[in-house]
């Protein structure tokens, strides 16, 4: 076992986390980038993937978990632009 893995396992054990691997740290890294709003192309390049399609195939489930954050309605986005002339857009979710 390499020094890196021994150190990783030691800290994981102290934190009460089991089965930590380099792969799980890599997955956590991508998850945090997605959570931070980093675009998929940047993530794909950073991870060394051959394409964004590969990244989406592997991590698409994480992206789907964050779709609720994009649930702004059209009116929430556009009404502030048109308040000056009294136009109002009907409430409708962008996800529907």
N, C-alpha and C. Protein backbone atom coordinates (compact mmCIF):
# COMPACT_ATOMS: atom_id res chain seq x y z
N UNK A 1 0.85 -1.19 0.00
CA UNK A 1 0.00 0.00 0.00
C UNK A 1 0.89 1.24 0.00
N UNK A 2 0.55 2.19 -0.84
CA UNK A 2 1.34 3.40 -0.94
C UNK A 2 1.12 4.30 0.27
N UNK A 3 2.05 5.22 0.46
CA UNK A 3 1.94 6.16 1.56
C UNK A 3 0.66 6.99 1.43
N UNK A 4 0.33 7.39 0.20
CA UNK A 4 -0.89 8.17 -0.03
C UNK A 4 -2.13 7.42 0.43
N UNK A 5 -2.24 6.15 0.05
CA UNK A 5 -3.41 5.36 0.46
C UNK A 5 -3.44 5.12 1.96
N UNK A 6 -2.29 4.86 2.56
CA UNK A 6 -2.25 4.67 4.02
C UNK A 6 -2.72 5.94 4.73
N UNK A 7 -2.25 7.09 4.25
CA UNK A 7 -2.64 8.36 4.85
C UNK A 7 -4.14 8.61 4.65
N UNK A 8 -4.62 8.33 3.46
CA UNK A 8 -6.05 8.48 3.16
C UNK A 8 -6.89 7.60 4.08
N UNK A 9 -6.51 6.35 4.22
CA UNK A 9 -7.26 5.42 5.08
C UNK A 9 -7.19 5.82 6.55
N UNK A 10 -6.04 6.32 6.99
CA UNK A 10 -5.89 6.76 8.37
C UNK A 10 -6.83 7.92 8.68
N UNK A 11 -6.85 8.92 7.79
CA UNK A 11 -7.73 10.08 8.02
C UNK A 11 -9.20 9.70 7.89
N UNK A 12 -9.50 8.82 6.98
CA UNK A 12 -10.89 8.36 6.83
C UNK A 12 -11.34 7.63 8.09
N UNK A 13 -10.49 6.79 8.63
CA UNK A 13 -10.83 6.05 9.85
C UNK A 13 -11.07 7.02 11.01
N UNK A 14 -10.21 8.03 11.13
CA UNK A 14 -10.38 9.04 12.18
C UNK A 14 -11.69 9.80 12.02
N UNK A 15 -12.12 10.00 10.77
CA UNK A 15 -13.36 10.72 10.50
C UNK A 15 -14.58 9.82 10.56
N UNK A 16 -14.36 8.50 10.76
CA UNK A 16 -15.48 7.57 10.84
C UNK A 16 -16.04 7.20 9.48
N UNK A 17 -15.23 7.35 8.43
CA UNK A 17 -15.65 7.03 7.07
C UNK A 17 -15.00 5.73 6.66
N UNK A 18 -15.79 4.85 6.08
CA UNK A 18 -15.22 3.57 5.65
C UNK A 18 -15.11 3.51 4.13
N UNK A 19 -14.28 2.64 3.66
CA UNK A 19 -14.12 2.35 2.23
C UNK A 19 -13.82 3.59 1.39
N UNK A 20 -12.82 4.32 1.76
CA UNK A 20 -12.39 5.48 0.99
C UNK A 20 -11.33 5.01 0.00
N UNK A 21 -11.46 5.49 -1.23
CA UNK A 21 -10.48 5.14 -2.26
C UNK A 21 -10.14 6.40 -3.04
N UNK A 22 -9.11 6.30 -3.84
CA UNK A 22 -8.76 7.41 -4.72
C UNK A 22 -9.95 7.72 -5.63
N UNK A 23 -10.61 6.67 -6.10
CA UNK A 23 -11.78 6.86 -6.97
C UNK A 23 -12.88 7.64 -6.25
N UNK A 24 -13.12 7.33 -4.99
CA UNK A 24 -14.17 8.05 -4.26
C UNK A 24 -13.81 9.52 -4.05
N UNK A 25 -12.51 9.79 -3.88
CA UNK A 25 -12.07 11.19 -3.76
C UNK A 25 -12.26 11.92 -5.09
N UNK A 26 -11.97 11.22 -6.19
CA UNK A 26 -12.16 11.79 -7.53
C UNK A 26 -13.65 12.09 -7.76
N UNK A 27 -14.51 11.16 -7.37
CA UNK A 27 -15.95 11.34 -7.52
C UNK A 27 -16.42 12.52 -6.66
N UNK A 28 -15.92 12.61 -5.46
CA UNK A 28 -16.26 13.73 -4.58
C UNK A 28 -15.84 15.05 -5.23
N UNK A 29 -14.66 15.05 -5.81
CA UNK A 29 -14.15 16.26 -6.47
C UNK A 29 -15.11 16.72 -7.57
N UNK A 30 -15.54 15.79 -8.43
CA UNK A 30 -16.48 16.14 -9.51
C UNK A 30 -17.80 16.63 -8.90
N UNK A 31 -18.28 15.96 -7.89
CA UNK A 31 -19.54 16.35 -7.24
C UNK A 31 -19.45 17.77 -6.70
N UNK A 32 -18.34 18.12 -6.09
CA UNK A 32 -18.18 19.47 -5.55
C UNK A 32 -18.08 20.51 -6.66
N UNK A 33 -17.43 20.15 -7.76
CA UNK A 33 -17.36 21.07 -8.90
C UNK A 33 -18.75 21.33 -9.47
N UNK A 34 -19.55 20.27 -9.60
CA UNK A 34 -20.92 20.42 -10.10
C UNK A 34 -21.73 21.28 -9.14
N UNK A 35 -21.60 21.01 -7.86
CA UNK A 35 -22.32 21.78 -6.84
C UNK A 35 -21.94 23.26 -6.89
N UNK A 36 -20.67 23.52 -7.23
CA UNK A 36 -20.19 24.90 -7.30
C UNK A 36 -20.59 25.58 -8.59
N UNK A 37 -21.23 24.83 -9.49
CA UNK A 37 -21.72 25.43 -10.73
C UNK A 37 -20.70 25.48 -11.86
N UNK A 38 -19.62 24.70 -11.73
CA UNK A 38 -18.62 24.67 -12.80
C UNK A 38 -19.23 23.96 -14.01
N UNK A 39 -18.99 24.49 -15.20
CA UNK A 39 -19.59 23.92 -16.40
C UNK A 39 -18.99 22.56 -16.73
N UNK A 40 -19.77 21.73 -17.41
CA UNK A 40 -19.40 20.34 -17.67
C UNK A 40 -18.16 20.24 -18.56
N UNK A 41 -17.95 21.18 -19.45
CA UNK A 41 -16.76 21.15 -20.32
C UNK A 41 -15.50 21.33 -19.49
N UNK A 42 -15.51 22.27 -18.58
CA UNK A 42 -14.36 22.50 -17.71
C UNK A 42 -14.10 21.28 -16.83
N UNK A 43 -15.15 20.71 -16.28
CA UNK A 43 -15.00 19.51 -15.45
C UNK A 43 -14.40 18.38 -16.27
N UNK A 44 -14.94 18.17 -17.47
CA UNK A 44 -14.47 17.10 -18.34
C UNK A 44 -12.98 17.25 -18.64
N UNK A 45 -12.57 18.46 -18.97
CA UNK A 45 -11.16 18.71 -19.26
C UNK A 45 -10.29 18.50 -18.02
N UNK A 46 -10.77 18.96 -16.89
CA UNK A 46 -10.01 18.83 -15.64
C UNK A 46 -9.82 17.37 -15.25
N UNK A 47 -10.83 16.55 -15.52
CA UNK A 47 -10.75 15.13 -15.16
C UNK A 47 -10.02 14.30 -16.22
N UNK A 48 -9.70 14.92 -17.35
CA UNK A 48 -8.98 14.21 -18.39
C UNK A 48 -9.86 13.29 -19.22
N UNK A 49 -11.16 13.55 -19.23
CA UNK A 49 -12.08 12.73 -20.02
C UNK A 49 -11.93 13.08 -21.50
N UNK A 50 -12.23 12.11 -22.34
CA UNK A 50 -12.08 12.29 -23.78
C UNK A 50 -13.16 13.20 -24.36
N UNK A 51 -14.30 13.30 -23.67
CA UNK A 51 -15.39 14.13 -24.18
C UNK A 51 -16.32 14.50 -23.03
N UNK A 52 -17.13 15.52 -23.27
CA UNK A 52 -18.14 15.88 -22.27
C UNK A 52 -19.21 14.78 -22.19
N UNK A 53 -19.41 14.06 -23.29
CA UNK A 53 -20.37 12.95 -23.27
C UNK A 53 -19.96 11.90 -22.26
N UNK A 54 -18.69 11.60 -22.20
CA UNK A 54 -18.18 10.63 -21.23
C UNK A 54 -18.46 11.12 -19.81
N UNK A 55 -18.17 12.39 -19.57
CA UNK A 55 -18.40 12.97 -18.24
C UNK A 55 -19.88 12.93 -17.88
N UNK A 56 -20.74 13.28 -18.83
CA UNK A 56 -22.18 13.25 -18.57
C UNK A 56 -22.68 11.84 -18.33
N UNK A 57 -22.13 10.86 -19.04
CA UNK A 57 -22.51 9.47 -18.81
C UNK A 57 -22.16 9.03 -17.40
N UNK A 58 -21.01 9.48 -16.90
CA UNK A 58 -20.55 9.05 -15.57
C UNK A 58 -21.18 9.84 -14.43
N UNK A 59 -21.42 11.13 -14.66
CA UNK A 59 -21.84 12.01 -13.56
C UNK A 59 -23.19 12.67 -13.80
N UNK A 60 -23.91 12.26 -14.83
CA UNK A 60 -25.21 12.84 -15.14
C UNK A 60 -26.19 12.74 -14.00
N UNK A 61 -26.10 11.68 -13.21
CA UNK A 61 -27.02 11.51 -12.08
C UNK A 61 -26.86 12.63 -11.06
N UNK A 62 -25.66 13.15 -10.92
CA UNK A 62 -25.43 14.26 -9.99
C UNK A 62 -26.06 15.53 -10.56
N UNK A 63 -25.89 15.73 -11.86
CA UNK A 63 -26.49 16.90 -12.49
C UNK A 63 -28.01 16.88 -12.37
N UNK A 64 -28.62 15.72 -12.54
CA UNK A 64 -30.08 15.62 -12.43
C UNK A 64 -30.55 15.98 -11.02
N UNK A 65 -29.73 15.67 -10.02
CA UNK A 65 -30.11 16.00 -8.65
C UNK A 65 -30.17 17.50 -8.43
N UNK A 66 -29.49 18.26 -9.27
CA UNK A 66 -29.44 19.71 -9.10
C UNK A 66 -30.37 20.45 -10.04
N UNK A 67 -31.21 19.73 -10.78
CA UNK A 67 -32.12 20.39 -11.70
C UNK A 67 -33.13 21.27 -10.98
N UNK A 68 -33.48 20.92 -9.76
CA UNK A 68 -34.44 21.73 -9.01
C UNK A 68 -33.95 23.17 -8.84
N UNK A 69 -32.64 23.35 -8.83
CA UNK A 69 -32.08 24.69 -8.67
C UNK A 69 -32.36 25.56 -9.88
N UNK A 70 -32.68 24.94 -11.02
CA UNK A 70 -32.94 25.71 -12.23
C UNK A 70 -34.43 25.91 -12.44
N UNK A 71 -35.21 25.71 -11.41
CA UNK A 71 -36.65 25.79 -11.53
C UNK A 71 -37.22 27.19 -11.50
N UNK A 72 -36.43 28.18 -11.85
CA UNK A 72 -36.96 29.54 -11.92
C UNK A 72 -38.04 29.59 -12.98
N UNK A 73 -39.02 30.39 -12.73
CA UNK A 73 -40.08 30.52 -13.71
C UNK A 73 -39.70 31.55 -14.75
N UNK A 74 -40.32 31.46 -15.89
CA UNK A 74 -40.09 32.43 -16.95
C UNK A 74 -40.42 33.83 -16.44
N UNK A 75 -41.48 33.93 -15.68
CA UNK A 75 -41.87 35.26 -15.18
C UNK A 75 -40.82 35.81 -14.21
N UNK A 76 -40.22 34.94 -13.40
CA UNK A 76 -39.19 35.41 -12.48
C UNK A 76 -37.98 35.95 -13.24
N UNK A 77 -37.73 35.41 -14.41
CA UNK A 77 -36.59 35.85 -15.20
C UNK A 77 -36.91 37.07 -16.05
N UNK A 78 -38.10 37.12 -16.62
CA UNK A 78 -38.42 38.16 -17.59
C UNK A 78 -39.19 39.34 -17.04
N UNK A 79 -40.03 39.13 -16.03
CA UNK A 79 -40.84 40.24 -15.53
C UNK A 79 -40.02 41.45 -15.09
N UNK A 80 -38.88 41.26 -14.44
CA UNK A 80 -38.11 42.46 -14.08
C UNK A 80 -37.67 43.28 -15.29
N UNK A 81 -37.51 42.64 -16.43
CA UNK A 81 -37.09 43.35 -17.64
C UNK A 81 -38.22 44.21 -18.23
N UNK A 82 -39.47 43.81 -17.97
CA UNK A 82 -40.60 44.46 -18.61
C UNK A 82 -41.49 45.21 -17.63
N UNK A 83 -41.05 45.43 -16.42
CA UNK A 83 -41.87 46.12 -15.44
C UNK A 83 -42.19 47.54 -15.86
N UNK A 84 -41.34 48.15 -16.62
CA UNK A 84 -41.54 49.55 -16.99
C UNK A 84 -42.78 49.77 -17.84
N UNK A 85 -43.21 48.74 -18.62
CA UNK A 85 -44.41 48.97 -19.43
C UNK A 85 -45.58 48.08 -19.00
N UNK A 86 -45.48 47.52 -17.81
CA UNK A 86 -46.60 46.79 -17.24
C UNK A 86 -46.83 45.39 -17.79
N UNK A 87 -45.96 44.90 -18.63
CA UNK A 87 -46.13 43.52 -19.15
C UNK A 87 -45.89 42.53 -18.02
N UNK A 88 -46.67 41.47 -18.01
CA UNK A 88 -46.48 40.39 -17.04
C UNK A 88 -46.54 39.08 -17.79
N UNK A 89 -45.64 38.18 -17.48
CA UNK A 89 -45.64 36.86 -18.07
C UNK A 89 -46.28 35.88 -17.11
N UNK A 90 -47.04 34.91 -17.61
CA UNK A 90 -47.68 33.94 -16.73
C UNK A 90 -46.64 33.08 -16.02
N UNK A 91 -46.98 32.64 -14.81
CA UNK A 91 -46.10 31.76 -14.06
C UNK A 91 -46.01 30.40 -14.75
N UNK A 92 -44.80 29.99 -15.08
CA UNK A 92 -44.59 28.66 -15.67
C UNK A 92 -43.15 28.27 -15.42
N UNK A 93 -42.94 27.09 -14.91
CA UNK A 93 -41.61 26.61 -14.60
C UNK A 93 -40.85 26.31 -15.87
N UNK A 94 -39.55 26.59 -15.89
CA UNK A 94 -38.71 26.25 -17.03
C UNK A 94 -38.52 24.74 -17.15
N UNK A 95 -38.73 24.03 -16.04
CA UNK A 95 -38.55 22.57 -16.05
C UNK A 95 -39.78 21.84 -16.58
N UNK A 96 -40.89 22.54 -16.79
CA UNK A 96 -42.10 21.85 -17.24
C UNK A 96 -42.31 21.98 -18.72
